[in-house]
Amino acid sequence: MSIFLLRHGQTDWNLIDRCQGHTDIPLNETGKKMIEQVAVIFKRDVGKIDYIVSSPLSRAHESALIFSNSLGYKGEIIINELFIERCFGLAEGLLHDEIILKFPNLDIPEMEPETDVFSRAMEGLNHYNSIYSDVNILIVTHGGVLKTLVDNQTTYGEEDMNLVHAVPGGIFKMDLQNGEYQIKEIK
């Protein structure tokens, strides 16, 4: 089994570096095209997907729909709350520079603890690892979830350090080896 993690396509808030978190911002036209391009590369290099799972936020779900249509995937898109973006509390809606000014030590009120994000993302990954074998699963999620997984569980090589700042439309492969997930960028 292979698990692929796709960060949703670009939104207008990504473009101006505005914190989204749980705020439901749709894809922009560039984001839609990004996902179509990633799907073409995926189809060429990997092939098929057996299951698609998505965060409930529209930017992820729309990315999942575009990806599935580009691949000719006929199955259901499974919505799973475990892969929703990290809640950034009072930082949501602020520009990056505003966050730094308002919360210089990044102690942001009402922000979801990284340990909670990690626990729920791992619960989701382990769930799919336990019920499926010999299949390809695509999970459409968010930058905060990807960063937390990289920072806390996965091993990666020096060339993969950019995974900590996964770009919109970035796609990664996760493999479970010796009880530890290893992540590699494939696009």
C-alpha atoms as a PDB file:
ATOM      1  CA  MET A   1       0.000   0.000   0.000  1.00  0.00           C
ATOM      2  CA  SER A   2       1.099   3.539  -0.703  1.00  0.00           C
ATOM      3  CA  ILE A   3      -0.325   6.678   0.860  1.00  0.00           C
ATOM      4  CA  PHE A   4      -0.001   9.887  -1.110  1.00  0.00           C
ATOM      5  CA  LEU A   5      -0.547  13.250   0.553  1.00  0.00           C
ATOM      6  CA  LEU A   6      -1.621  16.162  -1.632  1.00  0.00           C
ATOM      7  CA  ARG A   7      -1.674  19.712  -0.367  1.00  0.00           C
ATOM      8  CA  HIS A   8      -4.666  21.544  -1.805  1.00  0.00           C
ATOM      9  CA  GLY A   9      -4.152  23.985  -4.663  1.00  0.00           C
ATOM     10  CA  GLN A  10      -3.551  27.696  -4.284  1.00  0.00           C
ATOM     11  CA  THR A  11      -6.129  30.070  -2.805  1.00  0.00           C
ATOM     12  CA  ASP A  12      -6.185  33.854  -2.917  1.00  0.00           C
ATOM     13  CA  TRP A  13      -5.138  33.828   0.751  1.00  0.00           C
ATOM     14  CA  ASN A  14      -2.100  31.628  -0.029  1.00  0.00           C
ATOM     15  CA  LEU A  15      -1.127  34.161  -2.659  1.00  0.00           C
ATOM     16  CA  ILE A  16      -0.954  37.038  -0.151  1.00  0.00           C
ATOM     17  CA  ASP A  17       0.323  34.924   2.784  1.00  0.00           C
ATOM     18  CA  ARG A  18      -2.874  35.252   4.838  1.00  0.00           C
ATOM     19  CA  CYS A  19      -3.386  32.573   7.509  1.00  0.00           C
ATOM     20  CA  GLN A  20      -6.323  30.301   6.608  1.00  0.00           C
ATOM     21  CA  GLY A  21      -6.534  27.548   9.214  1.00  0.00           C
ATOM     22  CA  HIS A  22     -10.160  26.453   9.560  1.00  0.00           C
ATOM     23  CA  THR A  23     -11.390  29.464   7.561  1.00  0.00           C
ATOM     24  CA  ASP A  24     -12.978  27.947   4.464  1.00  0.00           C
ATOM     25  CA  ILE A  25     -11.339  29.677   1.491  1.00  0.00           C
ATOM     26  CA  PRO A  26     -11.939  28.248  -2.028  1.00  0.00           C
ATOM     27  CA  LEU A  27      -9.313  27.530  -4.655  1.00  0.00           C
ATOM     28  CA  ASN A  28      -8.471  30.271  -7.122  1.00  0.00           C
ATOM     29  CA  GLU A  29      -8.066  29.591 -10.859  1.00  0.00           C
ATOM     30  CA  THR A  30      -4.310  29.050 -10.483  1.00  0.00           C
ATOM     31  CA  GLY A  31      -4.988  26.513  -7.733  1.00  0.00           C
ATOM     32  CA  LYS A  32      -7.382  24.582  -9.948  1.00  0.00           C
ATOM     33  CA  LYS A  33      -4.824  24.450 -12.766  1.00  0.00           C
ATOM     34  CA  MET A  34      -2.109  23.366 -10.295  1.00  0.00           C
ATOM     35  CA  ILE A  35      -4.129  20.341  -9.259  1.00  0.00           C
ATOM     36  CA  GLU A  36      -4.877  19.407 -12.881  1.00  0.00           C
ATOM     37  CA  GLN A  37      -1.131  19.532 -13.640  1.00  0.00           C
ATOM     38  CA  VAL A  38      -0.239  17.472 -10.559  1.00  0.00           C
ATOM     39  CA  ALA A  39      -2.820  14.865 -11.573  1.00  0.00           C
ATOM     40  CA  VAL A  40      -1.256  14.564 -15.047  1.00  0.00           C
ATOM     41  CA  ILE A  41       2.197  14.023 -13.505  1.00  0.00           C
ATOM     42  CA  PHE A  42       0.760  11.559 -10.987  1.00  0.00           C
ATOM     43  CA  LYS A  43      -1.054   9.567 -13.672  1.00  0.00           C
ATOM     44  CA  ARG A  44       2.136   9.368 -15.746  1.00  0.00           C
ATOM     45  CA  ASP A  45       4.500   8.495 -12.873  1.00  0.00           C
ATOM     46  CA  VAL A  46       2.321   6.500 -10.469  1.00  0.00           C
ATOM     47  CA  GLY A  47      -0.841   5.423 -12.221  1.00  0.00           C
ATOM     48  CA  LYS A  48      -4.055   4.841 -10.404  1.00  0.00           C
ATOM     49  CA  ILE A  49      -5.634   5.715  -7.086  1.00  0.00           C
ATOM     50  CA  ASP A  50      -7.916   3.239  -5.341  1.00  0.00           C
ATOM     51  CA  TYR A  51      -9.292   5.573  -2.656  1.00  0.00           C
ATOM     52  CA  ILE A  52      -9.383   9.342  -2.216  1.00  0.00           C
ATOM     53  CA  VAL A  53      -9.754  10.923   1.228  1.00  0.00           C
ATOM     54  CA  SER A  54     -10.178  14.664   1.776  1.00  0.00           C
ATOM     55  CA  SER A  55     -10.279  17.233   4.507  1.00  0.00           C
ATOM     56  CA  PRO A  56     -13.787  18.728   4.733  1.00  0.00           C
ATOM     57  CA  LEU A  57     -12.582  22.248   3.861  1.00  0.00           C
ATOM     58  CA  SER A  58     -13.628  23.328   0.359  1.00  0.00           C
ATOM     59  CA  ARG A  59     -10.082  24.039  -0.881  1.00  0.00           C
ATOM     60  CA  ALA A  60      -9.108  20.427  -0.145  1.00  0.00           C
ATOM     61  CA  HIS A  61     -12.381  18.867  -1.294  1.00  0.00           C
ATOM     62  CA  GLU A  62     -12.351  20.826  -4.557  1.00  0.00           C
ATOM     63  CA  SER A  63      -8.729  19.735  -5.101  1.00  0.00           C
ATOM     64  CA  ALA A  64      -9.814  16.123  -4.531  1.00  0.00           C
ATOM     65  CA  LEU A  65     -12.634  16.488  -7.081  1.00  0.00           C
ATOM     66  CA  ILE A  66     -10.342  18.018  -9.717  1.00  0.00           C
ATOM     67  CA  PHE A  67      -7.689  15.346  -9.116  1.00  0.00           C
ATOM     68  CA  SER A  68     -10.239  12.520  -9.277  1.00  0.00           C
ATOM     69  CA  ASN A  69     -11.787  13.843 -12.506  1.00  0.00           C
ATOM     70  CA  SER A  70      -8.341  14.195 -14.102  1.00  0.00           C
ATOM     71  CA  LEU A  71      -7.547  10.570 -13.236  1.00  0.00           C
ATOM     72  CA  GLY A  72     -10.945   9.204 -14.210  1.00  0.00           C
ATOM     73  CA  TYR A  73     -11.474   8.021 -10.618  1.00  0.00           C
ATOM     74  CA  LYS A  74     -15.052   6.788 -10.209  1.00  0.00           C
ATOM     75  CA  GLY A  75     -15.105   6.077  -6.478  1.00  0.00           C
ATOM     76  CA  GLU A  76     -16.411   8.119  -3.592  1.00  0.00           C
ATOM     77  CA  ILE A  77     -14.318  10.883  -2.058  1.00  0.00           C
ATOM     78  CA  ILE A  78     -14.185  10.076   1.644  1.00  0.00           C
ATOM     79  CA  ILE A  79     -14.376  13.161   3.886  1.00  0.00           C
ATOM     80  CA  ASN A  80     -12.292  12.759   7.034  1.00  0.00           C
ATOM     81  CA  GLU A  81     -12.098  15.471   9.723  1.00  0.00           C
ATOM     82  CA  LEU A  82      -8.762  14.081  10.937  1.00  0.00           C
ATOM     83  CA  PHE A  83      -7.041  15.737   7.964  1.00  0.00           C
ATOM     84  CA  ILE A  84      -8.544  19.224   8.391  1.00  0.00           C
ATOM     85  CA  GLU A  85      -6.066  22.104   8.609  1.00  0.00           C
ATOM     86  CA  ARG A  86      -4.686  23.124  11.980  1.00  0.00           C
ATOM     87  CA  CYS A  87      -6.805  25.727  13.743  1.00  0.00           C
ATOM     88  CA  PHE A  88      -4.634  28.836  14.048  1.00  0.00           C
ATOM     89  CA  GLY A  89      -6.968  30.567  16.498  1.00  0.00           C
ATOM     90  CA  LEU A  90      -6.756  34.351  16.554  1.00  0.00           C
ATOM     91  CA  ALA A  91      -4.133  34.315  13.782  1.00  0.00           C
ATOM     92  CA  GLU A  92      -6.667  33.191  11.184  1.00  0.00           C
ATOM     93  CA  GLY A  93      -7.363  35.918   8.661  1.00  0.00           C
ATOM     94  CA  LEU A  94      -4.161  37.809   9.477  1.00  0.00           C
ATOM     95  CA  LEU A  95      -1.255  38.323   7.105  1.00  0.00           C
ATOM     96  CA  HIS A  96       2.032  36.635   8.079  1.00  0.00           C
ATOM     97  CA  ASP A  97       3.635  39.992   8.980  1.00  0.00           C
ATOM     98  CA  GLU A  98       0.610  40.899  11.126  1.00  0.00           C
ATOM     99  CA  ILE A  99       0.927  37.611  13.013  1.00  0.00           C
ATOM    100  CA  ILE A 100       4.601  38.291  13.773  1.00  0.00           C
ATOM    101  CA  LEU A 101       3.770  41.801  15.034  1.00  0.00           C
ATOM    102  CA  LYS A 102       0.748  40.752  17.080  1.00  0.00           C
ATOM    103  CA  PHE A 103       2.209  37.487  18.442  1.00  0.00           C
ATOM    104  CA  PRO A 104       6.031  37.879  18.352  1.00  0.00           C
ATOM    105  CA  ASN A 105       6.624  34.664  20.326  1.00  0.00           C
ATOM    106  CA  LEU A 106       3.933  32.848  18.266  1.00  0.00           C
ATOM    107  CA  ASP A 107       1.946  32.117  21.425  1.00  0.00           C
ATOM    108  CA  ILE A 108      -1.365  32.454  19.588  1.00  0.00           C
ATOM    109  CA  PRO A 109      -4.584  32.271  21.634  1.00  0.00           C
ATOM    110  CA  GLU A 110      -6.994  29.484  20.650  1.00  0.00           C
ATOM    111  CA  MET A 111      -4.450  27.834  18.309  1.00  0.00           C
ATOM    112  CA  GLU A 112      -4.665  24.044  18.137  1.00  0.00           C
ATOM    113  CA  PRO A 113      -1.586  22.483  19.774  1.00  0.00           C
ATOM    114  CA  GLU A 114       0.793  20.830  17.314  1.00  0.00           C
ATOM    115  CA  THR A 115       0.614  17.622  19.366  1.00  0.00           C
ATOM    116  CA  ASP A 116      -3.153  17.465  18.754  1.00  0.00           C
ATOM    117  CA  VAL A 117      -2.707  17.992  14.999  1.00  0.00           C
ATOM    118  CA  PHE A 118      -0.058  15.273  14.924  1.00  0.00           C
ATOM    119  CA  SER A 119      -2.178  12.832  16.955  1.00  0.00           C
ATOM    120  CA  ARG A 120      -5.226  13.166  14.740  1.00  0.00           C
ATOM    121  CA  ALA A 121      -3.231  12.992  11.493  1.00  0.00           C
ATOM    122  CA  MET A 122      -1.443   9.861  12.726  1.00  0.00           C
ATOM    123  CA  GLU A 123      -4.776   8.361  13.775  1.00  0.00           C
ATOM    124  CA  GLY A 124      -6.003   8.862  10.211  1.00  0.00           C
ATOM    125  CA  LEU A 125      -2.848   7.456   8.595  1.00  0.00           C
ATOM    126  CA  ASN A 126      -2.812   4.435  10.892  1.00  0.00           C
ATOM    127  CA  HIS A 127      -6.515   3.810  10.252  1.00  0.00           C
ATOM    128  CA  TYR A 128      -6.013   3.590   6.492  1.00  0.00           C
ATOM    129  CA  ASN A 129      -2.849   1.531   6.914  1.00  0.00           C
ATOM    130  CA  SER A 130      -4.762  -0.956   9.060  1.00  0.00           C
ATOM    131  CA  ILE A 131      -7.759  -1.494   6.759  1.00  0.00           C
ATOM    132  CA  TYR A 132      -6.245  -1.362   3.275  1.00  0.00           C
ATOM    133  CA  SER A 133      -3.421  -3.296   1.678  1.00  0.00           C
ATOM    134  CA  ASP A 134      -2.052  -3.340  -1.854  1.00  0.00           C
ATOM    135  CA  VAL A 135      -3.853  -0.127  -2.772  1.00  0.00           C
ATOM    136  CA  ASN A 136      -2.978   3.489  -3.480  1.00  0.00           C
ATOM    137  CA  ILE A 137      -4.679   6.054  -1.254  1.00  0.00           C
ATOM    138  CA  LEU A 138      -4.624   9.796  -1.876  1.00  0.00           C
ATOM    139  CA  ILE A 139      -5.243  12.063   1.120  1.00  0.00           C
ATOM    140  CA  VAL A 140      -5.914  15.705   0.260  1.00  0.00           C
ATOM    141  CA  THR A 141      -4.928  17.875   3.194  1.00  0.00           C
ATOM    142  CA  HIS A 142      -3.205  21.110   4.207  1.00  0.00           C
ATOM    143  CA  GLY A 143       0.222  22.630   4.790  1.00  0.00           C
ATOM    144  CA  GLY A 144      -0.124  22.686   8.584  1.00  0.00           C
ATOM    145  CA  VAL A 145      -0.922  18.971   8.696  1.00  0.00           C
ATOM    146  CA  LEU A 146       1.964  18.115   6.348  1.00  0.00           C
ATOM    147  CA  LYS A 147       4.406  20.249   8.343  1.00  0.00           C
ATOM    148  CA  THR A 148       3.343  18.612  11.603  1.00  0.00           C
ATOM    149  CA  LEU A 149       3.779  15.115  10.170  1.00  0.00           C
ATOM    150  CA  VAL A 150       7.236  15.980   8.859  1.00  0.00           C
ATOM    151  CA  ASP A 151       8.331  17.679  12.077  1.00  0.00           C
ATOM    152  CA  ASN A 152       7.139  14.935  14.415  1.00  0.00           C
ATOM    153  CA  GLN A 153       7.134  11.512  12.843  1.00  0.00           C
ATOM    154  CA  THR A 154       8.600  11.136   9.426  1.00  0.00           C
ATOM    155  CA  THR A 155      12.185  10.708   8.427  1.00  0.00           C
ATOM    156  CA  TYR A 156      13.459  12.514   5.391  1.00  0.00           C
ATOM    157  CA  GLY A 157      16.752  13.184   3.730  1.00  0.00           C
ATOM    158  CA  GLU A 158      18.580  16.488   3.475  1.00  0.00           C
ATOM    159  CA  GLU A 159      17.222  16.992  -0.044  1.00  0.00           C
ATOM    160  CA  ASP A 160      13.674  16.812   1.335  1.00  0.00           C
ATOM    161  CA  MET A 161      14.008  19.604   3.920  1.00  0.00           C
ATOM    162  CA  ASN A 162      11.662  21.751   1.814  1.00  0.00           C
ATOM    163  CA  LEU A 163       8.823  19.435   2.849  1.00  0.00           C
ATOM    164  CA  VAL A 164       8.519  21.493   6.017  1.00  0.00           C
ATOM    165  CA  HIS A 165       7.076  24.240   3.792  1.00  0.00           C
ATOM    166  CA  ALA A 166       4.982  22.170   1.371  1.00  0.00           C
ATOM    167  CA  VAL A 167       3.743  24.378  -1.447  1.00  0.00           C
ATOM    168  CA  PRO A 168       0.124  24.346  -2.620  1.00  0.00           C
ATOM    169  CA  GLY A 169      -0.304  21.452  -5.037  1.00  0.00           C
ATOM    170  CA  GLY A 170       2.685  19.580  -3.602  1.00  0.00           C
ATOM    171  CA  ILE A 171       2.295  15.803  -3.528  1.00  0.00           C
ATOM    172  CA  PHE A 172       4.202  13.388  -1.337  1.00  0.00           C
ATOM    173  CA  LYS A 173       4.456   9.640  -0.880  1.00  0.00           C
ATOM    174  CA  MET A 174       4.477   8.118   2.590  1.00  0.00           C
ATOM    175  CA  ASP A 175       5.685   4.612   3.306  1.00  0.00           C
ATOM    176  CA  LEU A 176       5.641   2.807   6.633  1.00  0.00           C
ATOM    177  CA  GLN A 177       9.027   1.177   7.250  1.00  0.00           C
ATOM    178  CA  ASN A 178      10.055  -0.312  10.595  1.00  0.00           C
ATOM    179  CA  GLY A 179       7.173   1.444  12.347  1.00  0.00           C
ATOM    180  CA  GLU A 180       8.131   4.879  11.030  1.00  0.00           C
ATOM    181  CA  TYR A 181       6.659   6.827   8.141  1.00  0.00           C
ATOM    182  CA  GLN A 182       9.077   8.033   5.510  1.00  0.00           C
ATOM    183  CA  ILE A 183       8.037  10.830   3.204  1.00  0.00           C
ATOM    184  CA  LYS A 184       9.272  11.771  -0.248  1.00  0.00           C
ATOM    185  CA  GLU A 185       8.151  14.552  -2.548  1.00  0.00           C
ATOM    186  CA  ILE A 186       7.049  13.186  -5.916  1.00  0.00           C
ATOM    187  CA  LYS A 187       6.239  16.483  -7.633  1.00  0.00           C
END
